[in-house]
PDB file of N, CA and C in Angstrom:
ATOM      1  N   UNK A   1     166.594 162.264 155.851  1.00  0.00           N
ATOM      2  CA  UNK A   1     165.335 161.669 155.548  1.00  0.00           C
ATOM      3  C   UNK A   1     165.149 161.580 154.052  1.00  0.00           C
ATOM      4  N   UNK A   2     164.140 160.808 153.662  1.00  0.00           N
ATOM      5  CA  UNK A   2     163.921 160.578 152.237  1.00  0.00           C
ATOM      6  C   UNK A   2     163.142 161.696 151.565  1.00  0.00           C
ATOM      7  N   UNK A   3     163.171 161.655 150.255  1.00  0.00           N
ATOM      8  CA  UNK A   3     162.437 162.664 149.510  1.00  0.00           C
ATOM      9  C   UNK A   3     160.967 162.299 149.454  1.00  0.00           C
ATOM     10  N   UNK A   4     160.149 163.289 149.540  1.00  0.00           N
ATOM     11  CA  UNK A   4     158.714 163.064 149.436  1.00  0.00           C
ATOM     12  C   UNK A   4     158.261 163.350 148.017  1.00  0.00           C
ATOM     13  N   UNK A   5     157.242 162.604 147.599  1.00  0.00           N
ATOM     14  CA  UNK A   5     156.647 162.876 146.294  1.00  0.00           C
ATOM     15  C   UNK A   5     155.758 164.087 146.427  1.00  0.00           C
ATOM     16  N   UNK A   6     155.843 164.913 145.451  1.00  0.00           N
ATOM     17  CA  UNK A   6     154.986 166.087 145.463  1.00  0.00           C
ATOM     18  C   UNK A   6     153.618 165.705 144.947  1.00  0.00           C
ATOM     19  N   UNK A   7     152.628 165.908 145.774  1.00  0.00           N
ATOM     20  CA  UNK A   7     151.281 165.717 145.275  1.00  0.00           C
ATOM     21  C   UNK A   7     150.871 167.055 144.741  1.00  0.00           C
ATOM     22  N   UNK A   8     150.446 167.018 143.510  1.00  0.00           N
ATOM     23  CA  UNK A   8     150.180 168.361 143.140  1.00  0.00           C
ATOM     24  C   UNK A   8     149.572 168.582 141.791  1.00  0.00           C
ATOM     25  N   UNK A   9     149.899 169.751 141.358  1.00  0.00           N
ATOM     26  CA  UNK A   9     149.213 170.274 140.198  1.00  0.00           C
ATOM     27  C   UNK A   9     149.791 169.777 138.887  1.00  0.00           C
ATOM     28  N   UNK A  10     150.989 169.278 138.889  1.00  0.00           N
ATOM     29  CA  UNK A  10     151.576 168.830 137.634  1.00  0.00           C
ATOM     30  C   UNK A  10     151.053 167.429 137.290  1.00  0.00           C
ATOM     31  N   UNK A  11     150.596 167.304 136.051  1.00  0.00           N
ATOM     32  CA  UNK A  11     150.117 166.005 135.582  1.00  0.00           C
ATOM     33  C   UNK A  11     151.010 165.552 134.445  1.00  0.00           C
ATOM     34  N   UNK A  12     151.256 164.289 134.395  1.00  0.00           N
ATOM     35  CA  UNK A  12     152.034 163.760 133.287  1.00  0.00           C
ATOM     36  C   UNK A  12     151.132 163.694 132.062  1.00  0.00           C
ATOM     37  N   UNK A  13     151.630 164.168 130.986  1.00  0.00           N
ATOM     38  CA  UNK A  13     150.812 164.122 129.771  1.00  0.00           C
ATOM     39  C   UNK A  13     150.909 162.740 129.151  1.00  0.00           C
ATOM     40  N   UNK A  14     149.787 162.222 128.746  1.00  0.00           N
ATOM     41  CA  UNK A  14     149.751 160.926 128.088  1.00  0.00           C
ATOM     42  C   UNK A  14     149.808 159.744 129.020  1.00  0.00           C
ATOM     43  N   UNK A  15     149.717 159.982 130.308  1.00  0.00           N
ATOM     44  CA  UNK A  15     149.812 158.870 131.238  1.00  0.00           C
ATOM     45  C   UNK A  15     148.506 158.089 131.329  1.00  0.00           C
ATOM     46  N   UNK A  16     147.390 158.746 131.028  1.00  0.00           N
ATOM     47  CA  UNK A  16     146.111 158.054 131.056  1.00  0.00           C
ATOM     48  C   UNK A  16     145.503 158.046 129.671  1.00  0.00           C
ATOM     49  N   UNK A  17     144.730 157.025 129.425  1.00  0.00           N
ATOM     50  CA  UNK A  17     144.051 156.943 128.133  1.00  0.00           C
ATOM     51  C   UNK A  17     142.910 157.945 128.104  1.00  0.00           C
ATOM     52  N   UNK A  18     142.711 158.529 126.959  1.00  0.00           N
ATOM     53  CA  UNK A  18     141.611 159.475 126.816  1.00  0.00           C
ATOM     54  C   UNK A  18     140.305 158.714 126.684  1.00  0.00           C
ATOM     55  N   UNK A  19     139.275 159.276 127.212  1.00  0.00           N
ATOM     56  CA  UNK A  19     137.981 158.624 127.096  1.00  0.00           C
ATOM     57  C   UNK A  19     137.438 158.829 125.692  1.00  0.00           C
ATOM     58  N   UNK A  20     136.670 157.889 125.228  1.00  0.00           N
ATOM     59  CA  UNK A  20     136.108 157.943 123.888  1.00  0.00           C
ATOM     60  C   UNK A  20     134.606 158.170 123.949  1.00  0.00           C
ATOM     61  N   UNK A  21     134.209 159.100 124.745  1.00  0.00           N
ATOM     62  CA  UNK A  21     132.781 159.328 124.921  1.00  0.00           C
ATOM     63  C   UNK A  21     132.130 159.864 123.660  1.00  0.00           C
ATOM     64  N   UNK A  22     132.845 160.626 122.843  1.00  0.00           N
ATOM     65  CA  UNK A  22     132.251 161.181 121.632  1.00  0.00           C
ATOM     66  C   UNK A  22     131.903 160.093 120.633  1.00  0.00           C
ATOM     67  N   UNK A  23     132.810 159.138 120.442  1.00  0.00           N
ATOM     68  CA  UNK A  23     132.542 158.099 119.455  1.00  0.00           C
ATOM     69  C   UNK A  23     131.403 157.180 119.891  1.00  0.00           C
ATOM     70  N   UNK A  24     131.301 156.951 121.193  1.00  0.00           N
ATOM     71  CA  UNK A  24     130.211 156.105 121.661  1.00  0.00           C
ATOM     72  C   UNK A  24     128.858 156.783 121.481  1.00  0.00           C
ATOM     73  N   UNK A  25     128.793 158.064 121.790  1.00  0.00           N
ATOM     74  CA  UNK A  25     127.518 158.753 121.676  1.00  0.00           C
ATOM     75  C   UNK A  25     127.095 158.902 120.221  1.00  0.00           C
ATOM     76  N   UNK A  26     128.053 159.120 119.321  1.00  0.00           N
ATOM     77  CA  UNK A  26     127.686 159.265 117.914  1.00  0.00           C
ATOM     78  C   UNK A  26     127.256 157.931 117.317  1.00  0.00           C
ATOM     79  N   UNK A  27     127.846 156.830 117.791  1.00  0.00           N
ATOM     80  CA  UNK A  27     127.432 155.539 117.251  1.00  0.00           C
ATOM     81  C   UNK A  27     126.048 155.145 117.756  1.00  0.00           C
ATOM     82  N   UNK A  28     125.702 155.588 118.957  1.00  0.00           N
ATOM     83  CA  UNK A  28     124.374 155.284 119.478  1.00  0.00           C
ATOM     84  C   UNK A  28     123.291 155.968 118.656  1.00  0.00           C
ATOM     85  N   UNK A  29     123.567 157.169 118.193  1.00  0.00           N
ATOM     86  CA  UNK A  29     122.554 157.884 117.432  1.00  0.00           C
ATOM     87  C   UNK A  29     122.359 157.292 116.044  1.00  0.00           C
ATOM     88  N   UNK A  30     123.340 156.568 115.531  1.00  0.00           N
ATOM     89  CA  UNK A  30     123.254 156.018 114.183  1.00  0.00           C
ATOM     90  C   UNK A  30     123.017 154.512 114.164  1.00  0.00           C
ATOM     91  N   UNK A  31     122.755 153.899 115.310  1.00  0.00           N
ATOM     92  CA  UNK A  31     122.586 152.450 115.354  1.00  0.00           C
ATOM     93  C   UNK A  31     121.460 151.972 114.458  1.00  0.00           C
ATOM     94  N   UNK A  32     120.360 152.663 114.428  1.00  0.00           N
ATOM     95  CA  UNK A  32     119.226 152.231 113.638  1.00  0.00           C
ATOM     96  C   UNK A  32     119.294 152.670 112.187  1.00  0.00           C
ATOM     97  N   UNK A  33     120.348 153.363 111.798  1.00  0.00           N
ATOM     98  CA  UNK A  33     120.434 153.934 110.458  1.00  0.00           C
ATOM     99  C   UNK A  33     121.455 153.211 109.573  1.00  0.00           C
ATOM    100  N   UNK A  34     121.988 152.044 109.984  1.00  0.00           N
ATOM    101  CA  UNK A  34     123.029 151.399 109.192  1.00  0.00           C
ATOM    102  C   UNK A  34     122.501 150.915 107.848  1.00  0.00           C
ATOM    103  N   UNK A  35     121.230 150.565 107.779  1.00  0.00           N
ATOM    104  CA  UNK A  35     120.670 150.090 106.509  1.00  0.00           C
ATOM    105  C   UNK A  35     120.615 151.249 105.514  1.00  0.00           C
ATOM    106  N   UNK A  36     120.191 152.407 105.967  1.00  0.00           N
ATOM    107  CA  UNK A  36     120.112 153.564 105.086  1.00  0.00           C
ATOM    108  C   UNK A  36     121.494 153.958 104.576  1.00  0.00           C
ATOM    109  N   UNK A  37     122.510 153.791 105.418  1.00  0.00           N
ATOM    110  CA  UNK A  37     123.864 154.113 104.985  1.00  0.00           C
ATOM    111  C   UNK A  37     124.419 153.045 104.047  1.00  0.00           C
ATOM    112  N   UNK A  38     123.975 151.803 104.197  1.00  0.00           N
ATOM    113  CA  UNK A  38     124.472 150.726 103.347  1.00  0.00           C
ATOM    114  C   UNK A  38     123.893 150.810 101.944  1.00  0.00           C
ATOM    115  N   UNK A  39     122.707 151.368 101.823  1.00  0.00           N
ATOM    116  CA  UNK A  39     122.053 151.454 100.522  1.00  0.00           C
ATOM    117  C   UNK A  39     122.357 152.820  99.929  1.00  0.00           C
ATOM    118  N   UNK A  40     123.324 152.862  99.024  1.00  0.00           N
ATOM    119  CA  UNK A  40     123.745 154.131  98.429  1.00  0.00           C
ATOM    120  C   UNK A  40     122.810 154.557  97.304  1.00  0.00           C
ATOM    121  N   UNK A  41     122.388 153.621  96.473  1.00  0.00           N
ATOM    122  CA  UNK A  41     121.527 153.926  95.329  1.00  0.00           C
ATOM    123  C   UNK A  41     120.264 153.077  95.407  1.00  0.00           C
ATOM    124  N   UNK A  42     119.231 153.563  96.091  1.00  0.00           N
ATOM    125  CA  UNK A  42     118.014 152.775  96.210  1.00  0.00           C
ATOM    126  C   UNK A  42     117.399 152.486  94.847  1.00  0.00           C
ATOM    127  N   UNK A  43     117.031 151.246  94.613  1.00  0.00           N
ATOM    128  CA  UNK A  43     116.391 150.864  93.358  1.00  0.00           C
ATOM    129  C   UNK A  43     117.349 150.433  92.272  1.00  0.00           C
ATOM    130  N   UNK A  44     118.652 150.473  92.533  1.00  0.00           N
ATOM    131  CA  UNK A  44     119.626 150.124  91.497  1.00  0.00           C
ATOM    132  C   UNK A  44     119.561 148.636  91.142  1.00  0.00           C
ATOM    133  N   UNK A  45     119.394 147.777  92.130  1.00  0.00           N
ATOM    134  CA  UNK A  45     119.309 146.337  91.857  1.00  0.00           C
ATOM    135  C   UNK A  45     118.022 146.011  91.112  1.00  0.00           C
ATOM    136  N   UNK A  46     116.938 146.669  91.479  1.00  0.00           N
ATOM    137  CA  UNK A  46     115.660 146.480  90.793  1.00  0.00           C
ATOM    138  C   UNK A  46     115.781 146.882  89.316  1.00  0.00           C
ATOM    139  N   UNK A  47     116.436 147.982  89.037  1.00  0.00           N
ATOM    140  CA  UNK A  47     116.642 148.420  87.654  1.00  0.00           C
ATOM    141  C   UNK A  47     117.512 147.438  86.887  1.00  0.00           C
ATOM    142  N   UNK A  48     118.528 146.896  87.542  1.00  0.00           N
ATOM    143  CA  UNK A  48     119.399 145.913  86.897  1.00  0.00           C
ATOM    144  C   UNK A  48     118.603 144.673  86.503  1.00  0.00           C
ATOM    145  N   UNK A  49     117.776 144.193  87.428  1.00  0.00           N
ATOM    146  CA  UNK A  49     116.975 142.996  87.150  1.00  0.00           C
ATOM    147  C   UNK A  49     115.958 143.289  86.049  1.00  0.00           C
ATOM    148  N   UNK A  50     115.346 144.456  86.098  1.00  0.00           N
ATOM    149  CA  UNK A  50     114.367 144.821  85.071  1.00  0.00           C
ATOM    150  C   UNK A  50     115.017 144.894  83.690  1.00  0.00           C
ATOM    151  N   UNK A  51     116.210 145.465  83.631  1.00  0.00           N
ATOM    152  CA  UNK A  51     116.911 145.625  82.367  1.00  0.00           C
ATOM    153  C   UNK A  51     117.388 144.293  81.791  1.00  0.00           C
ATOM    154  N   UNK A  52     117.837 143.380  82.649  1.00  0.00           N
ATOM    155  CA  UNK A  52     118.448 142.142  82.168  1.00  0.00           C
ATOM    156  C   UNK A  52     117.509 140.939  82.138  1.00  0.00           C
ATOM    157  N   UNK A  53     116.484 140.937  82.989  1.00  0.00           N
ATOM    158  CA  UNK A  53     115.590 139.782  83.065  1.00  0.00           C
ATOM    159  C   UNK A  53     114.172 140.099  82.612  1.00  0.00           C
ATOM    160  N   UNK A  54     113.792 141.344  82.637  1.00  0.00           N
ATOM    161  CA  UNK A  54     112.436 141.721  82.254  1.00  0.00           C
ATOM    162  C   UNK A  54     111.432 141.301  83.312  1.00  0.00           C
ATOM    163  N   UNK A  55     110.211 140.971  82.871  1.00  0.00           N
ATOM    164  CA  UNK A  55     109.146 140.591  83.807  1.00  0.00           C
ATOM    165  C   UNK A  55     109.433 139.263  84.498  1.00  0.00           C
ATOM    166  N   UNK A  56     110.235 138.418  83.880  1.00  0.00           N
ATOM    167  CA  UNK A  56     110.542 137.110  84.470  1.00  0.00           C
ATOM    168  C   UNK A  56     111.387 137.227  85.735  1.00  0.00           C
ATOM    169  N   UNK A  57     111.959 138.378  85.974  1.00  0.00           N
ATOM    170  CA  UNK A  57     112.792 138.563  87.148  1.00  0.00           C
ATOM    171  C   UNK A  57     112.024 138.908  88.408  1.00  0.00           C
ATOM    172  N   UNK A  58     110.716 139.081  88.276  1.00  0.00           N
ATOM    173  CA  UNK A  58     109.915 139.533  89.412  1.00  0.00           C
ATOM    174  C   UNK A  58     108.769 138.564  89.694  1.00  0.00           C
ATOM    175  N   UNK A  59     108.322 138.565  90.953  1.00  0.00           N
ATOM    176  CA  UNK A  59     107.162 137.779  91.344  1.00  0.00           C
ATOM    177  C   UNK A  59     105.898 138.568  91.008  1.00  0.00           C
ATOM    178  N   UNK A  60     104.750 137.982  91.292  1.00  0.00           N
ATOM    179  CA  UNK A  60     103.480 138.672  91.047  1.00  0.00           C
ATOM    180  C   UNK A  60     103.350 139.926  91.908  1.00  0.00           C
ATOM    181  N   UNK A  61     103.947 139.879  93.096  1.00  0.00           N
ATOM    182  CA  UNK A  61     103.885 141.019  94.014  1.00  0.00           C
ATOM    183  C   UNK A  61     104.832 142.149  93.612  1.00  0.00           C
ATOM    184  N   UNK A  62     105.732 141.892  92.701  1.00  0.00           N
ATOM    185  CA  UNK A  62     106.684 142.904  92.266  1.00  0.00           C
ATOM    186  C   UNK A  62     108.037 142.812  92.938  1.00  0.00           C
ATOM    187  N   UNK A  63     108.232 141.790  93.766  1.00  0.00           N
ATOM    188  CA  UNK A  63     109.530 141.585  94.405  1.00  0.00           C
ATOM    189  C   UNK A  63     110.455 140.857  93.442  1.00  0.00           C
ATOM    190  N   UNK A  64     111.759 141.038  93.646  1.00  0.00           N
ATOM    191  CA  UNK A  64     112.734 140.296  92.841  1.00  0.00           C
ATOM    192  C   UNK A  64     112.711 138.850  93.299  1.00  0.00           C
ATOM    193  N   UNK A  65     112.711 137.923  92.332  1.00  0.00           N
ATOM    194  CA  UNK A  65     112.678 136.501  92.679  1.00  0.00           C
ATOM    195  C   UNK A  65     113.923 136.110  93.467  1.00  0.00           C
ATOM    196  N   UNK A  66     113.719 135.256  94.456  1.00  0.00           N
ATOM    197  CA  UNK A  66     114.817 134.811  95.317  1.00  0.00           C
ATOM    198  C   UNK A  66     115.844 134.032  94.515  1.00  0.00           C
ATOM    199  N   UNK A  67     115.387 133.254  93.546  1.00  0.00           N
ATOM    200  CA  UNK A  67     116.325 132.467  92.741  1.00  0.00           C
ATOM    201  C   UNK A  67     117.281 133.382  91.977  1.00  0.00           C
ATOM    202  N   UNK A  68     116.780 134.507  91.504  1.00  0.00           N
ATOM    203  CA  UNK A  68     117.637 135.455  90.781  1.00  0.00           C
ATOM    204  C   UNK A  68     118.570 136.163  91.747  1.00  0.00           C
ATOM    205  N   UNK A  69     118.089 136.502  92.939  1.00  0.00           N
ATOM    206  CA  UNK A  69     118.960 137.118  93.939  1.00  0.00           C
ATOM    207  C   UNK A  69     120.106 136.182  94.310  1.00  0.00           C
ATOM    208  N   UNK A  70     119.812 134.921  94.505  1.00  0.00           N
ATOM    209  CA  UNK A  70     120.857 133.951  94.850  1.00  0.00           C
ATOM    210  C   UNK A  70     121.860 133.798  93.717  1.00  0.00           C
ATOM    211  N   UNK A  71     121.355 133.804  92.489  1.00  0.00           N
ATOM    212  CA  UNK A  71     122.224 133.700  91.318  1.00  0.00           C
ATOM    213  C   UNK A  71     123.163 134.909  91.245  1.00  0.00           C
ATOM    214  N   UNK A  72     122.605 136.089  91.434  1.00  0.00           N
ATOM    215  CA  UNK A  72     123.419 137.303  91.397  1.00  0.00           C
ATOM    216  C   UNK A  72     124.409 137.354  92.556  1.00  0.00           C
ATOM    217  N   UNK A  73     124.007 136.848  93.714  1.00  0.00           N
ATOM    218  CA  UNK A  73     124.901 136.828  94.871  1.00  0.00           C
ATOM    219  C   UNK A  73     126.100 135.914  94.636  1.00  0.00           C
ATOM    220  N   UNK A  74     125.914 134.891  93.810  1.00  0.00           N
ATOM    221  CA  UNK A  74     127.029 134.010  93.446  1.00  0.00           C
ATOM    222  C   UNK A  74     127.900 134.624  92.355  1.00  0.00           C
ATOM    223  N   UNK A  75     127.428 135.717  91.753  1.00  0.00           N
ATOM    224  CA  UNK A  75     128.206 136.375  90.719  1.00  0.00           C
ATOM    225  C   UNK A  75     127.861 135.936  89.315  1.00  0.00           C
ATOM    226  N   UNK A  76     126.728 135.261  89.168  1.00  0.00           N
ATOM    227  CA  UNK A  76     126.313 134.758  87.862  1.00  0.00           C
ATOM    228  C   UNK A  76     125.137 135.592  87.371  1.00  0.00           C
ATOM    229  N   UNK A  77     125.323 136.215  86.235  1.00  0.00           N
ATOM    230  CA  UNK A  77     124.281 137.047  85.665  1.00  0.00           C
ATOM    231  C   UNK A  77     123.495 136.305  84.599  1.00  0.00           C
ATOM    232  N   UNK A  78     122.678 137.034  83.840  1.00  0.00           N
ATOM    233  CA  UNK A  78     121.882 136.411  82.787  1.00  0.00           C
ATOM    234  C   UNK A  78     122.791 135.841  81.692  1.00  0.00           C
ATOM    235  N   UNK A  79     122.475 134.649  81.249  1.00  0.00           N
ATOM    236  CA  UNK A  79     123.278 134.003  80.209  1.00  0.00           C
ATOM    237  C   UNK A  79     124.614 133.502  80.702  1.00  0.00           C
ATOM    238  N   UNK A  80     124.794 133.390  82.000  1.00  0.00           N
ATOM    239  CA  UNK A  80     126.048 132.881  82.556  1.00  0.00           C
ATOM    240  C   UNK A  80     127.153 133.918  82.636  1.00  0.00           C
ATOM    241  N   UNK A  81     126.851 135.180  82.334  1.00  0.00           N
ATOM    242  CA  UNK A  81     127.872 136.226  82.399  1.00  0.00           C
ATOM    243  C   UNK A  81     128.199 136.561  83.846  1.00  0.00           C
ATOM    244  N   UNK A  82     129.390 137.054  84.058  1.00  0.00           N
ATOM    245  CA  UNK A  82     129.772 137.518  85.393  1.00  0.00           C
ATOM    246  C   UNK A  82     129.145 138.880  85.653  1.00  0.00           C
ATOM    247  N   UNK A  83     128.741 139.106  86.881  1.00  0.00           N
ATOM    248  CA  UNK A  83     128.191 140.409  87.256  1.00  0.00           C
ATOM    249  C   UNK A  83     129.268 141.194  87.997  1.00  0.00           C
ATOM    250  N   UNK A  84     129.078 142.494  88.093  1.00  0.00           N
ATOM    251  CA  UNK A  84     130.052 143.333  88.796  1.00  0.00           C
ATOM    252  C   UNK A  84     130.003 143.029  90.292  1.00  0.00           C
ATOM    253  N   UNK A  85     131.076 143.392  90.965  1.00  0.00           N
ATOM    254  CA  UNK A  85     131.148 143.182  92.411  1.00  0.00           C
ATOM    255  C   UNK A  85     130.079 143.999  93.130  1.00  0.00           C
ATOM    256  N   UNK A  86     129.772 145.180  92.614  1.00  0.00           N
ATOM    257  CA  UNK A  86     128.754 146.029  93.230  1.00  0.00           C
ATOM    258  C   UNK A  86     127.388 145.366  93.164  1.00  0.00           C
ATOM    259  N   UNK A  87     127.033 144.821  92.006  1.00  0.00           N
ATOM    260  CA  UNK A  87     125.748 144.141  91.852  1.00  0.00           C
ATOM    261  C   UNK A  87     125.695 142.908  92.740  1.00  0.00           C
ATOM    262  N   UNK A  88     126.794 142.206  92.833  1.00  0.00           N
ATOM    263  CA  UNK A  88     126.872 141.021  93.687  1.00  0.00           C
ATOM    264  C   UNK A  88     126.617 141.402  95.147  1.00  0.00           C
ATOM    265  N   UNK A  89     127.247 142.470  95.601  1.00  0.00           N
ATOM    266  CA  UNK A  89     127.062 142.912  96.986  1.00  0.00           C
ATOM    267  C   UNK A  89     125.644 143.405  97.244  1.00  0.00           C
ATOM    268  N   UNK A  90     125.050 144.040  96.252  1.00  0.00           N
ATOM    269  CA  UNK A  90     123.662 144.486  96.398  1.00  0.00           C
ATOM    270  C   UNK A  90     122.725 143.297  96.564  1.00  0.00           C
ATOM    271  N   UNK A  91     122.976 142.235  95.808  1.00  0.00           N
ATOM    272  CA  UNK A  91     122.143 141.037  95.913  1.00  0.00           C
ATOM    273  C   UNK A  91     122.322 140.368  97.277  1.00  0.00           C
ATOM    274  N   UNK A  92     123.543 140.336  97.773  1.00  0.00           N
ATOM    275  CA  UNK A  92     123.809 139.750  99.092  1.00  0.00           C
ATOM    276  C   UNK A  92     123.068 140.537 100.174  1.00  0.00           C
ATOM    277  N   UNK A  93     123.120 141.865 100.082  1.00  0.00           N
ATOM    278  CA  UNK A  93     122.418 142.702 101.056  1.00  0.00           C
ATOM    279  C   UNK A  93     120.909 142.505 100.957  1.00  0.00           C
ATOM    280  N   UNK A  94     120.395 142.371  99.737  1.00  0.00           N
ATOM    281  CA  UNK A  94     118.953 142.152  99.557  1.00  0.00           C
ATOM    282  C   UNK A  94     118.521 140.836 100.200  1.00  0.00           C
ATOM    283  N   UNK A  95     119.333 139.808 100.055  1.00  0.00           N
ATOM    284  CA  UNK A  95     119.011 138.522 100.695  1.00  0.00           C
ATOM    285  C   UNK A  95     119.062 138.650 102.214  1.00  0.00           C
ATOM    286  N   UNK A  96     120.035 139.377 102.713  1.00  0.00           N
ATOM    287  CA  UNK A  96     120.157 139.555 104.152  1.00  0.00           C
ATOM    288  C   UNK A  96     118.965 140.337 104.721  1.00  0.00           C
ATOM    289  N   UNK A  97     118.573 141.394 104.030  1.00  0.00           N
ATOM    290  CA  UNK A  97     117.434 142.190 104.496  1.00  0.00           C
ATOM    291  C   UNK A  97     116.141 141.404 104.398  1.00  0.00           C
ATOM    292  N   UNK A  98     116.053 140.543 103.397  1.00  0.00           N
ATOM    293  CA  UNK A  98     114.857 139.689 103.265  1.00  0.00           C
ATOM    294  C   UNK A  98     114.737 138.758 104.467  1.00  0.00           C
ATOM    295  N   UNK A  99     115.873 138.243 104.928  1.00  0.00           N
ATOM    296  CA  UNK A  99     115.878 137.376 106.110  1.00  0.00           C
ATOM    297  C   UNK A  99     115.499 138.113 107.361  1.00  0.00           C
ATOM    298  N   UNK A 100     115.835 139.398 107.436  1.00  0.00           N
ATOM    299  CA  UNK A 100     115.509 140.203 108.618  1.00  0.00           C
ATOM    300  C   UNK A 100     114.030 140.539 108.670  1.00  0.00           C
ATOM    301  N   UNK A 101     113.387 140.531 107.530  1.00  0.00           N
ATOM    302  CA  UNK A 101     111.968 140.904 107.446  1.00  0.00           C
ATOM    303  C   UNK A 101     111.089 139.911 108.176  1.00  0.00           C
ATOM    304  N   UNK A 102     111.520 138.668 108.249  1.00  0.00           N
ATOM    305  CA  UNK A 102     110.694 137.608 108.842  1.00  0.00           C
ATOM    306  C   UNK A 102     110.607 137.702 110.330  1.00  0.00           C
TER     307      UNK A 102
END
């Protein structure tokens, strides 16, 4: 007669994929916190605009003008100078968050 397969206690290691329950649960707890993690230095873009543009960089309400944000997002600073990649990314994020506010 033929050989029977042993049903039993021995399991093959690595035969099944491990579940990723830990990563899913940790991402659920941080879903609403991605903005806080994206903003490393709060107020840094505001200080940059204040230093380089003065009062002309802000609206009456104290917000940074959209035209200046768009200019910085393109990488163009005051006087046509190039801005750093960090400042450029901050301006892009500010425009994105402004769109989410509506």
